[in-house]
C-alpha cells in the first residue's frame, strides 16, 4: 500500500450500487470515479493478488460477476472490501483508489491484455470449480 501524503485527496462520498456492481467515490478535490466491482477485485492490493513485489502479480480470472458485500472503514486512510467470492484481504487506501481513478483506463486495458495473452476468461468457468461432496 502506498503511503499517504497530506496532499492526498480523501473521499467525501463512497456509494455502492448493488445492481450495477459499481462503486462511486467522490474525492475532496471534486474528482469522482466509478469502479466496477470486478476492477477492484482483480486489482486488489492484497498479497494474494498483487504478490510481494513487481512481477509477482497473480492474474485473477472469472471475476466478471463478482460484487461487493460489505465496505469496512480502516482508520481515516482506507477501506476494506468484502467480495462475494470470499476475497476480503487488502486495504484500499485513499491514494491507491485515487491513483486507480486517474489511471483506470490504462490499468483495465493492461488487465484485458494479460487475460488475452493467458487465454483466460473474465467469465466464471463452472466446470473448473471444485466442490467437496461427501456421501454418508
Protein backbone atom coordinates (compact mmCIF):
# COMPACT_ATOMS: atom_id res chain seq x y z
CA UNK A 1 0.00 0.00 0.00
CA UNK A 2 1.40 3.35 -0.99
CA UNK A 3 1.97 5.87 1.75
CA UNK A 4 -0.46 8.71 2.28
CA UNK A 5 0.66 12.29 1.95
CA UNK A 6 -1.01 15.41 3.27
CA UNK A 7 -1.85 16.29 -0.33
CA UNK A 8 -3.76 13.04 -0.92
CA UNK A 9 -7.42 13.83 -1.59
CA UNK A 10 -9.75 11.87 0.65
CA UNK A 11 -13.21 10.53 -0.16
CA UNK A 12 -16.16 12.70 0.71
CA UNK A 13 -18.65 10.10 -0.52
CA UNK A 14 -18.48 6.36 -1.17
CA UNK A 15 -21.59 4.79 -2.66
CA UNK A 16 -22.10 1.19 -3.73
CA UNK A 17 -24.68 0.43 -6.43
CA UNK A 18 -25.54 -3.24 -5.89
CA UNK A 19 -27.47 -3.83 -9.14
CA UNK A 20 -24.86 -2.35 -11.47
CA UNK A 21 -21.96 -3.53 -9.26
CA UNK A 22 -20.39 -0.05 -9.37
CA UNK A 23 -18.63 1.76 -6.54
CA UNK A 24 -18.76 5.57 -6.82
CA UNK A 25 -16.14 7.54 -4.94
CA UNK A 26 -16.10 11.33 -4.79
CA UNK A 27 -12.88 12.90 -3.52
CA UNK A 28 -12.27 16.15 -1.66
CA UNK A 29 -10.83 17.81 -4.78
CA UNK A 30 -14.14 17.23 -6.59
CA UNK A 31 -12.97 14.31 -8.74
CA UNK A 32 -15.46 11.45 -8.96
CA UNK A 33 -14.58 7.95 -10.07
CA UNK A 34 -16.71 4.91 -10.84
CA UNK A 35 -15.17 1.49 -10.32
CA UNK A 36 -16.70 -1.81 -11.28
CA UNK A 37 -16.55 -4.40 -8.52
CA UNK A 38 -14.65 -6.58 -10.97
CA UNK A 39 -11.98 -3.90 -11.47
CA UNK A 40 -11.47 -3.52 -7.72
CA UNK A 41 -11.41 -7.29 -7.18
CA UNK A 42 -8.87 -8.09 -9.90
CA UNK A 43 -6.66 -5.20 -8.76
CA UNK A 44 -6.86 -5.97 -5.06
CA UNK A 45 -3.82 -4.67 -3.18
CA UNK A 46 -3.65 -7.94 -1.23
CA UNK A 47 -0.51 -10.09 -1.39
CA UNK A 48 -2.72 -12.88 -2.76
CA UNK A 49 -3.36 -10.79 -5.89
CA UNK A 50 -0.50 -8.27 -6.04
CA UNK A 51 2.22 -10.60 -4.83
CA UNK A 52 5.10 -9.38 -2.71
CA UNK A 53 6.82 -7.35 -5.41
CA UNK A 54 6.84 -6.35 -9.06
CA UNK A 55 6.26 -9.25 -11.42
CA UNK A 56 4.61 -11.43 -8.77
CA UNK A 57 1.03 -10.39 -9.57
CA UNK A 58 -1.46 -13.26 -9.83
CA UNK A 59 -3.87 -12.92 -12.76
CA UNK A 60 -7.45 -13.02 -11.47
CA UNK A 61 -9.87 -14.79 -13.78
CA UNK A 62 -13.62 -15.41 -13.71
CA UNK A 63 -14.44 -12.28 -11.71
CA UNK A 64 -16.85 -10.54 -14.13
CA UNK A 65 -19.91 -11.06 -11.92
CA UNK A 66 -18.28 -10.50 -8.52
CA UNK A 67 -19.91 -7.94 -6.22
CA UNK A 68 -19.00 -6.18 -3.01
CA UNK A 69 -20.91 -7.45 0.04
CA UNK A 70 -19.54 -5.05 2.62
CA UNK A 71 -17.30 -1.99 2.86
CA UNK A 72 -15.41 -1.52 6.11
CA UNK A 73 -13.53 1.67 7.03
CA UNK A 74 -9.94 1.29 8.17
CA UNK A 75 -8.91 4.30 10.22
CA UNK A 76 -9.01 7.54 8.25
CA UNK A 77 -6.95 6.27 5.35
CA UNK A 78 -8.52 3.21 3.70
CA UNK A 79 -11.40 0.80 3.22
CA UNK A 80 -11.51 -2.97 3.20
CA UNK A 81 -13.83 -4.57 0.67
CA UNK A 82 -15.57 -7.89 1.21
CA UNK A 83 -16.36 -9.53 -2.13
CA UNK A 84 -18.98 -12.16 -2.94
CA UNK A 85 -16.26 -14.63 -3.96
CA UNK A 86 -14.96 -14.61 -0.37
CA UNK A 87 -11.96 -12.34 -1.00
CA UNK A 88 -11.58 -9.77 1.77
CA UNK A 89 -7.89 -9.04 2.18
CA UNK A 90 -6.04 -5.95 1.05
CA UNK A 91 -6.57 -2.38 2.13
CA UNK A 92 -7.69 0.14 -0.46
CA UNK A 93 -6.02 3.35 0.71
CA UNK A 94 -7.24 6.74 -0.46
CA UNK A 95 -4.12 7.30 -2.56
CA UNK A 96 -4.44 3.86 -4.18
CA UNK A 97 -8.10 4.47 -5.06
CA UNK A 98 -7.31 7.96 -6.35
CA UNK A 99 -4.47 6.57 -8.50
CA UNK A 100 -6.79 3.84 -9.77
CA UNK A 101 -9.32 6.50 -10.71
CA UNK A 102 -6.81 8.64 -12.58
CA UNK A 103 -5.35 5.64 -14.45
CA UNK A 104 -8.33 3.28 -14.63
CA UNK A 105 -8.49 3.00 -18.42
CA UNK A 106 -4.79 2.18 -18.77
CA UNK A 107 -4.89 -0.29 -15.87
CA UNK A 108 -8.00 -2.00 -17.27
CA UNK A 109 -6.56 -2.29 -20.78
CA UNK A 110 -3.39 -3.88 -19.36
CA UNK A 111 -5.55 -6.38 -17.45
CA UNK A 112 -7.51 -7.28 -20.59
CA UNK A 113 -4.24 -7.70 -22.49
CA UNK A 114 -2.88 -10.04 -19.80
CA UNK A 115 -6.13 -12.03 -19.90
CA UNK A 116 -5.88 -12.41 -23.68
CA UNK A 117 -2.22 -13.43 -23.51
CA UNK A 118 -3.09 -16.08 -20.92
CA UNK A 119 -6.10 -17.31 -22.90
CA UNK A 120 -8.16 -16.67 -19.76
CA UNK A 121 -11.74 -15.50 -19.32
CA UNK A 122 -13.48 -12.93 -17.20
CA UNK A 123 -16.43 -15.34 -17.03
CA UNK A 124 -16.59 -17.85 -14.19
CA UNK A 125 -15.88 -21.33 -15.53
CA UNK A 126 -18.23 -23.58 -13.56
CA UNK A 127 -16.53 -26.69 -14.94
CA UNK A 128 -13.22 -25.88 -13.26
CA UNK A 129 -14.63 -25.16 -9.84
CA UNK A 130 -14.00 -27.82 -7.27
CA UNK A 131 -16.72 -28.76 -4.84
CA UNK A 132 -16.29 -31.04 -1.90
CA UNK A 133 -19.10 -33.56 -1.64
CA UNK A 134 -19.33 -36.38 0.81
CA UNK A 135 -21.80 -39.23 0.91
CA UNK A 136 -22.61 -40.94 4.14
